[in-house]
Protein backbone atom coordinates (compact mmCIF):
# COMPACT_ATOMS: atom_id res chain seq x y z
CA MET A 1 -16.82 -37.87 -14.50
CA LYS A 2 -14.59 -38.99 -11.97
CA ILE A 3 -10.87 -38.03 -12.08
CA LYS A 4 -9.14 -41.03 -12.61
CA ASN A 5 -5.55 -39.72 -13.14
CA ILE A 6 -3.59 -36.43 -13.33
CA ARG A 7 0.16 -36.24 -14.77
CA THR A 8 2.63 -33.50 -15.48
CA GLN A 9 4.70 -32.78 -18.59
CA ILE A 10 7.57 -30.45 -19.37
CA PHE A 11 6.72 -28.32 -22.62
CA LYS A 12 9.54 -26.12 -24.24
CA ALA A 13 9.17 -23.88 -26.99
CA PRO A 14 11.36 -21.50 -28.59
CA LEU A 15 10.83 -17.54 -28.90
CA LYS A 16 11.15 -15.20 -31.45
CA ASN A 17 13.71 -12.93 -29.29
CA PRO A 18 14.94 -13.12 -25.81
CA PHE A 19 12.24 -11.95 -23.51
CA VAL A 20 14.33 -9.18 -21.10
CA THR A 21 13.19 -7.37 -18.25
CA ALA A 22 14.32 -6.10 -14.95
CA LEU A 23 14.05 -9.30 -12.90
CA ARG A 24 15.25 -11.85 -15.93
CA ARG A 25 15.99 -13.18 -19.44
CA VAL A 26 14.32 -15.80 -21.06
CA ASP A 27 15.68 -17.54 -24.33
CA MET A 28 13.30 -20.22 -24.39
CA LEU A 29 9.95 -21.26 -22.82
CA GLU A 30 9.96 -23.66 -20.51
CA ASP A 31 6.71 -24.58 -18.56
CA VAL A 32 4.68 -27.48 -16.76
CA ILE A 33 1.55 -28.85 -18.48
CA VAL A 34 -1.14 -30.54 -16.34
CA VAL A 35 -3.11 -33.45 -18.09
CA ILE A 36 -6.38 -34.60 -15.98
CA GLU A 37 -7.87 -37.52 -17.31
CA CYS A 38 -11.33 -38.57 -16.16
CA ASP A 39 -13.04 -42.17 -16.35
CA ASP A 40 -14.93 -41.52 -19.34
CA GLY A 41 -11.92 -40.57 -21.47
CA THR A 42 -12.42 -36.66 -20.84
CA ILE A 43 -9.15 -34.87 -20.69
CA GLY A 44 -8.62 -31.62 -18.98
CA LEU A 45 -5.42 -29.42 -19.90
CA GLY A 46 -3.69 -27.01 -17.76
CA GLU A 47 -0.32 -24.96 -17.87
CA GLY A 48 2.32 -23.28 -15.57
CA ALA A 49 5.35 -21.38 -16.18
CA SER A 50 8.47 -21.14 -13.61
CA THR A 51 8.86 -17.39 -12.64
CA PRO A 52 11.03 -18.14 -9.46
CA ALA A 53 11.64 -14.01 -9.16
CA ILE A 54 8.10 -13.43 -9.08
CA THR A 55 6.17 -16.46 -7.74
CA GLY A 56 8.84 -18.43 -6.17
CA GLU A 57 8.41 -21.35 -8.34
CA THR A 58 10.53 -23.37 -10.53
CA ILE A 59 9.49 -26.21 -12.80
CA GLY A 60 10.67 -28.61 -10.16
CA SER A 61 8.52 -27.09 -7.35
CA ILE A 62 5.29 -26.83 -9.76
CA ILE A 63 5.71 -30.53 -10.54
CA ALA A 64 6.11 -31.32 -6.81
CA THR A 65 3.27 -29.52 -5.64
CA ILE A 66 0.77 -31.06 -8.31
CA ASP A 67 2.33 -34.55 -7.35
CA TYR A 68 1.33 -33.52 -3.56
CA ILE A 69 -2.10 -32.49 -4.46
CA ARG A 70 -2.64 -35.20 -6.57
CA PRO A 71 -4.10 -37.74 -4.06
CA PHE A 72 -6.27 -35.39 -2.87
CA LEU A 73 -8.18 -35.24 -6.19
CA LEU A 74 -8.00 -38.49 -7.43
CA GLY A 75 -11.42 -40.18 -7.42
CA ARG A 76 -13.38 -37.46 -7.10
CA GLU A 77 -16.39 -36.13 -9.11
CA ILE A 78 -16.18 -33.24 -11.22
CA ASP A 79 -19.88 -32.08 -10.53
CA ASP A 80 -18.15 -31.57 -6.88
CA PHE A 81 -16.32 -28.66 -8.41
CA ASP A 82 -16.62 -26.42 -5.46
CA SER A 83 -15.23 -29.02 -3.14
CA ILE A 84 -12.43 -29.80 -5.71
CA ILE A 85 -11.34 -26.39 -6.15
CA ALA A 86 -11.27 -25.78 -2.27
CA ILE A 87 -9.07 -28.80 -2.05
CA VAL A 88 -6.51 -27.27 -4.28
CA HIS A 89 -6.31 -24.11 -2.40
CA SER A 90 -6.32 -25.75 1.12
CA VAL A 91 -4.20 -28.87 1.08
CA ILE A 92 -0.85 -26.41 0.66
CA MET A 93 -0.05 -22.79 1.09
CA GLY A 94 1.35 -20.79 -1.42
CA ASN A 95 2.70 -22.42 -4.98
CA THR A 96 0.17 -20.11 -6.86
CA THR A 97 1.46 -21.34 -10.25
CA ALA A 98 0.71 -24.92 -9.58
CA LYS A 99 -2.64 -24.33 -8.34
CA SER A 100 -3.36 -22.25 -11.36
CA ALA A 101 -1.90 -25.06 -13.86
CA LEU A 102 -4.39 -27.38 -12.29
CA GLU A 103 -7.32 -25.20 -11.97
CA ILE A 104 -7.10 -24.22 -15.59
CA ALA A 105 -7.12 -28.18 -16.24
CA LEU A 106 -10.21 -28.72 -13.81
CA TYR A 107 -12.22 -25.44 -15.44
CA ASP A 108 -11.47 -27.13 -18.82
CA LEU A 109 -12.99 -30.04 -17.72
CA LYS A 110 -16.02 -28.59 -16.21
CA SER A 111 -17.05 -26.73 -18.81
CA LYS A 112 -16.71 -29.67 -21.01
CA SER A 113 -19.21 -31.79 -18.87
CA MET A 114 -21.53 -28.63 -19.10
CA LYS A 115 -20.79 -28.90 -23.11
CA LEU A 116 -20.02 -25.09 -22.92
CA PRO A 117 -16.84 -23.01 -24.15
CA LEU A 118 -15.17 -22.00 -20.71
CA TYR A 119 -16.05 -18.24 -21.40
CA GLN A 120 -19.71 -19.15 -21.34
CA MET A 121 -19.43 -21.31 -18.58
CA LEU A 122 -18.15 -18.57 -16.50
CA GLY A 123 -21.05 -16.08 -17.94
CA GLY A 124 -19.00 -14.09 -20.70
CA GLU A 125 -20.10 -13.06 -24.18
CA LYS A 126 -16.99 -11.08 -25.37
CA LYS A 127 -14.99 -13.13 -27.93
CA HIS A 128 -12.71 -10.52 -29.64
CA PHE A 129 -9.92 -8.83 -27.87
CA SER A 130 -6.72 -7.06 -28.79
CA THR A 131 -3.67 -7.54 -26.74
CA ASP A 132 -0.58 -5.06 -26.44
CA ILE A 133 2.83 -6.81 -26.91
CA THR A 134 5.82 -6.47 -24.89
CA ILE A 135 8.89 -4.44 -25.87
CA SER A 136 11.80 -6.56 -24.39
CA MET A 137 14.67 -4.44 -22.42
CA GLY A 138 17.83 -3.84 -24.31
CA GLU A 139 19.77 -0.93 -25.97
CA ILE A 140 17.74 1.92 -27.09
CA ASP A 141 18.00 1.16 -30.75
CA ASP A 142 16.93 -2.18 -30.71
CA MET A 143 14.33 -1.23 -28.83
CA VAL A 144 13.08 1.45 -31.19
CA SER A 145 13.41 -0.94 -33.85
CA SER A 146 11.55 -3.73 -32.15
CA ALA A 147 8.88 -0.92 -31.50
CA LEU A 148 8.44 -0.09 -34.92
CA ASN A 149 8.43 -3.68 -36.13
CA ALA A 150 5.26 -4.41 -33.76
CA VAL A 151 3.49 -1.53 -34.82
CA ASN A 152 4.14 -2.72 -38.73
CA LEU A 153 2.45 -6.15 -37.54
CA GLY A 154 -0.69 -4.26 -36.52
CA TYR A 155 -0.09 -3.77 -32.79
CA ASP A 156 -1.31 -0.11 -31.21
CA THR A 157 -0.19 -0.63 -28.01
CA LEU A 158 3.15 -1.37 -26.57
CA LYS A 159 4.33 -2.29 -23.24
CA ILE A 160 7.85 -0.85 -22.62
CA LYS A 161 10.19 -3.05 -20.35
CA ILE A 162 12.66 -0.99 -18.34
CA GLY A 163 13.88 -0.81 -14.59
CA ASP A 164 17.68 -1.22 -15.13
CA ASN A 165 18.80 2.33 -15.01
CA ILE A 166 16.96 5.34 -14.73
CA ASP A 167 18.67 7.77 -16.79
CA LYS A 168 18.92 5.30 -19.74
CA ASP A 169 15.15 4.35 -19.23
CA ILE A 170 14.22 8.02 -19.80
CA GLN A 171 16.08 8.17 -23.19
CA ARG A 172 14.48 4.66 -24.14
CA VAL A 173 11.11 5.79 -23.70
CA LEU A 174 11.62 9.26 -25.33
CA ALA A 175 13.25 7.46 -28.13
CA ILE A 176 10.45 5.16 -29.01
CA ASP A 177 7.92 7.87 -28.26
CA GLU A 178 9.45 10.15 -30.84
CA ALA A 179 9.60 7.12 -33.57
CA LEU A 180 5.97 6.38 -33.20
CA ASP A 181 2.82 8.07 -34.39
CA LYS A 182 1.27 9.48 -31.41
CA SER A 183 -1.90 7.17 -32.09
CA ILE A 184 0.06 4.40 -30.45
CA THR A 185 -0.30 3.65 -26.75
CA LEU A 186 2.27 3.20 -24.39
CA ARG A 187 2.50 1.15 -21.38
CA LEU A 188 5.79 1.40 -19.05
CA ASP A 189 6.64 -1.75 -17.00
CA ALA A 190 9.61 -1.43 -14.63
CA ASN A 191 9.15 -5.02 -12.61
CA GLN A 192 10.05 -3.20 -9.29
CA GLY A 193 13.21 -1.61 -10.75
CA TRP A 194 13.29 1.77 -9.23
CA SER A 195 13.14 3.40 -5.84
CA ALA A 196 9.83 5.59 -5.17
CA LYS A 197 11.76 8.57 -5.65
CA GLU A 198 13.54 7.49 -8.91
CA SER A 199 9.95 6.43 -10.32
CA VAL A 200 8.95 10.24 -9.73
CA LYS A 201 12.09 11.53 -11.19
CA LEU A 202 11.59 9.73 -14.21
CA LEU A 203 7.48 10.34 -14.87
CA HIS A 204 8.23 14.07 -14.27
CA THR A 205 10.75 14.03 -16.81
CA LEU A 206 8.63 11.97 -19.12
CA GLU A 207 5.37 14.17 -18.51
CA ALA A 208 7.37 17.24 -18.92
CA LYS A 209 8.32 16.44 -22.44
CA GLY A 210 4.78 15.80 -22.97
CA VAL A 211 5.02 11.49 -22.86
CA ILE A 212 2.11 10.54 -20.77
CA ALA A 213 1.97 6.72 -20.58
CA GLN A 214 -1.28 4.75 -19.99
CA PHE A 215 0.16 3.38 -17.04
CA ILE A 216 3.56 2.75 -15.13
CA GLU A 217 3.28 -0.74 -13.81
CA GLN A 218 5.00 -2.05 -10.67
CA PRO A 219 7.91 0.57 -10.49
CA VAL A 220 9.08 -0.18 -6.90
CA LYS A 221 9.45 -3.68 -4.82
CA ALA A 222 6.32 -5.55 -4.28
CA ASP A 223 6.02 -5.15 -0.77
CA ASP A 224 6.65 -1.13 -0.96
CA ILE A 225 3.20 0.15 -0.23
CA ASP A 226 4.50 3.38 0.98
CA GLY A 227 6.53 3.60 -2.28
CA LEU A 228 3.28 2.86 -4.37
CA LEU A 229 1.29 5.70 -2.26
CA TYR A 230 4.33 8.00 -2.70
CA ILE A 231 4.39 7.67 -6.25
CA LYS A 232 0.33 7.89 -6.70
CA GLN A 233 0.38 11.41 -5.01
CA ARG A 234 2.78 13.19 -7.23
CA VAL A 235 2.43 11.98 -10.66
CA GLN A 236 0.05 12.46 -13.49
CA THR A 237 0.69 8.77 -14.97
CA PRO A 238 -1.70 6.24 -13.79
CA LEU A 239 -0.29 3.59 -11.50
CA LEU A 240 -0.62 -0.10 -12.19
CA ALA A 241 -0.14 -2.87 -9.15
CA ASP A 242 1.37 -6.11 -10.43
CA GLU A 243 3.64 -7.90 -8.14
CA SER A 244 2.18 -6.13 -5.24
CA ILE A 245 -0.96 -8.48 -5.51
CA PHE A 246 -1.40 -11.72 -5.32
CA SER A 247 -4.31 -12.10 -3.10
CA LEU A 248 -7.70 -10.36 -2.33
CA THR A 249 -6.24 -9.34 0.96
CA GLN A 250 -3.37 -7.19 -0.94
CA ALA A 251 -5.50 -5.61 -3.31
CA LYS A 252 -8.33 -5.07 -0.85
CA ARG A 253 -5.38 -2.86 1.36
CA LEU A 254 -3.89 -1.23 -1.88
CA LEU A 255 -7.66 -0.21 -2.89
CA GLU A 256 -8.59 1.24 0.36
CA LEU A 257 -5.72 3.21 0.54
CA GLU A 258 -6.23 4.45 -3.14
CA ALA A 259 -2.43 3.68 -3.71
CA ILE A 260 -3.12 2.54 -7.39
CA ASP A 261 -5.10 3.18 -10.22
CA TYR A 262 -5.26 -0.41 -11.80
CA ILE A 263 -4.71 -4.25 -10.98
CA ASN A 264 -2.96 -6.20 -13.19
CA ILE A 265 -4.64 -10.01 -12.98
CA LYS A 266 -2.60 -12.90 -13.59
CA LEU A 267 -4.08 -16.62 -13.20
CA ALA A 268 -0.21 -17.42 -11.95
CA LYS A 269 -0.20 -14.99 -9.12
CA SER A 270 -3.89 -15.46 -8.15
CA GLY A 271 -3.74 -19.37 -7.80
CA GLY A 272 -5.81 -19.54 -10.68
CA ILE A 273 -9.42 -18.75 -12.31
CA THR A 274 -11.34 -18.56 -9.07
CA ASN A 275 -9.44 -16.09 -7.57
CA ALA A 276 -8.67 -13.90 -10.62
CA ILE A 277 -12.34 -13.47 -10.98
CA LYS A 278 -12.91 -12.57 -7.26
CA LEU A 279 -10.11 -10.07 -8.03
CA ALA A 280 -11.89 -8.52 -10.61
CA ASN A 281 -15.25 -8.44 -8.66
CA LEU A 282 -13.24 -6.53 -5.78
CA SER A 283 -11.95 -4.17 -8.34
CA LYS A 284 -15.35 -3.44 -9.60
CA GLU A 285 -16.57 -2.84 -6.01
CA TYR A 286 -13.99 0.11 -5.84
CA GLY A 287 -14.48 1.26 -9.42
CA VAL A 288 -11.02 0.30 -10.55
CA LYS A 289 -10.50 -1.43 -13.88
CA CYS A 290 -8.10 -3.97 -14.40
CA MET A 291 -5.66 -5.70 -16.93
CA ILE A 292 -5.26 -9.29 -17.44
CA GLY A 293 -1.60 -10.44 -18.03
CA CYS A 294 0.51 -13.67 -18.46
CA MET A 295 3.61 -14.67 -17.30
CA LEU A 296 5.76 -15.96 -20.55
CA GLU A 297 3.29 -18.88 -20.58
CA GLY A 298 2.21 -21.39 -23.42
CA VAL A 299 -1.07 -21.76 -25.55
CA ILE A 300 -3.05 -23.49 -22.81
CA ALA A 301 -2.48 -20.89 -19.75
CA VAL A 302 -3.00 -17.60 -22.04
CA SER A 303 -6.04 -18.98 -23.59
CA ALA A 304 -7.50 -19.27 -19.73
CA GLY A 305 -6.85 -15.61 -19.73
CA VAL A 306 -8.72 -14.95 -22.59
CA HIS A 307 -11.69 -16.77 -21.35
CA VAL A 308 -11.55 -15.00 -17.71
CA ALA A 309 -11.28 -11.92 -19.90
CA SER A 310 -14.44 -12.36 -21.47
CA ALA A 311 -15.99 -13.38 -18.16
CA CYS A 312 -15.01 -10.36 -16.71
CA ALA A 313 -15.18 -8.09 -19.40
CA ASP A 314 -16.93 -5.18 -17.54
CA VAL A 315 -14.04 -4.30 -15.57
CA ILE A 316 -10.87 -6.16 -17.57
CA SER A 317 -10.42 -3.33 -19.78
CA MET A 318 -6.94 -3.79 -20.71
CA ILE A 319 -5.52 -7.00 -22.44
CA ASP A 320 -1.91 -7.95 -22.07
CA LEU A 321 -2.10 -11.44 -23.28
CA ASP A 322 0.95 -11.34 -25.88
CA ALA A 323 2.98 -14.74 -24.56
CA VAL A 324 1.99 -16.68 -27.58
CA ALA A 325 2.60 -14.03 -30.05
CA LEU A 326 6.12 -14.23 -28.45
CA LEU A 327 6.40 -17.64 -29.54
CA ASP A 328 8.25 -18.99 -32.86
CA SER A 329 6.43 -21.66 -32.74
CA TYR A 330 4.54 -24.07 -29.94
CA ASP A 331 3.16 -27.73 -30.52
CA ILE A 332 -0.11 -27.40 -28.94
CA LYS A 333 -3.49 -27.10 -31.27
CA THR A 334 -5.99 -24.57 -30.37
CA ASP A 335 -9.37 -23.19 -31.61
CA ILE A 336 -8.52 -20.00 -30.73
CA ILE A 337 -7.30 -17.31 -33.17
CA PHE A 338 -4.24 -15.99 -31.93
CA ASP A 339 -3.11 -13.59 -34.96
CA GLU A 340 -0.84 -11.06 -33.31
CA SER A 341 -2.55 -8.19 -31.39
CA ARG A 342 -6.16 -9.95 -32.57
CA ILE A 343 -7.14 -12.89 -30.36
CA VAL A 344 -10.76 -14.27 -30.68
CA LEU A 345 -12.33 -16.99 -28.67
CA SER A 346 -13.80 -20.24 -30.45
CA ASP A 347 -16.95 -21.85 -29.25
CA SER A 348 -15.29 -25.01 -28.64
CA VAL A 349 -16.18 -26.89 -25.32
CA GLY A 350 -13.85 -26.27 -22.95
CA LEU A 351 -10.41 -24.25 -23.28
CA GLY A 352 -10.53 -24.99 -26.89
CA CYS A 353 -6.80 -26.20 -26.23
CA ARG A 354 -5.67 -29.98 -27.45
CA LEU A 355 -2.30 -31.61 -26.79
CA SER A 356 -0.21 -32.47 -30.16
CA ILE A 357 2.75 -33.71 -28.15
């Protein structure tokens, strides 16, 4: 089973509503699909989303990186899998989303060659998952309405996007908490929007009102390690690192400092499935649970995240794979069930995704 061709195509899909965070606004999904073709006709699919404010990558740079790596992979046997993965990560620095897209396609091929669903190839058994859903940042009434609608759709965990104005953020969270039954779990995500002192002020205010979220995600700039420590030492609300952790080295430093409570693993940050699993294993060594998250991605990339969640179910205790639920429609066929908060893996070989475009 030899790699014969690698090609890319741009994939677009409409969103149900604009996706708004402290870092960006997205009105339509646009990302890159990778198609790897083997000499026996087997096809592997991967996907990567452009998030320049987070990974530094654009649609153009993702395609250019894949084009650069392509000649190093053509003619390689899929059975020589470890060497192929090493090539992806060694021939160019950075470019984690492009590498992730290639890795997803390669893992799709490898599991197909073994005639196994990817999650089983990775050692997983769990098939049923429940994801949260993101409540985009906006006016208070709109966010409350979105939160109530999400609960009506069956979600019991909401991730609230905040981070542009600390006083307004406090009112947003209090209003949403007041409108919801206390059985609903709230997660807060500031996307690097605050300073450490602002973070403590906001969290102290919410905690005094009896609102303690499951976690506060990445309240300060990605490189503000001292800020994370400052917050961790002063609040009750658990602290989850997202943009601060791309690599194992970054994760190990934060874990050794005890600067965080949880880690958000994203394939597009880690460079794909291989390092995502390594991050989960490292977290397990330190007794720290993880969340698996996603960028605003399509079915292929999110499906890969679900397979990893199964493989690392003992340490990945939180699921933030709602991107498919945010899409109004998509032209990718999948055997995985995406039914609002409910996600169920199939026993189809590989990822369980097929192109219909």
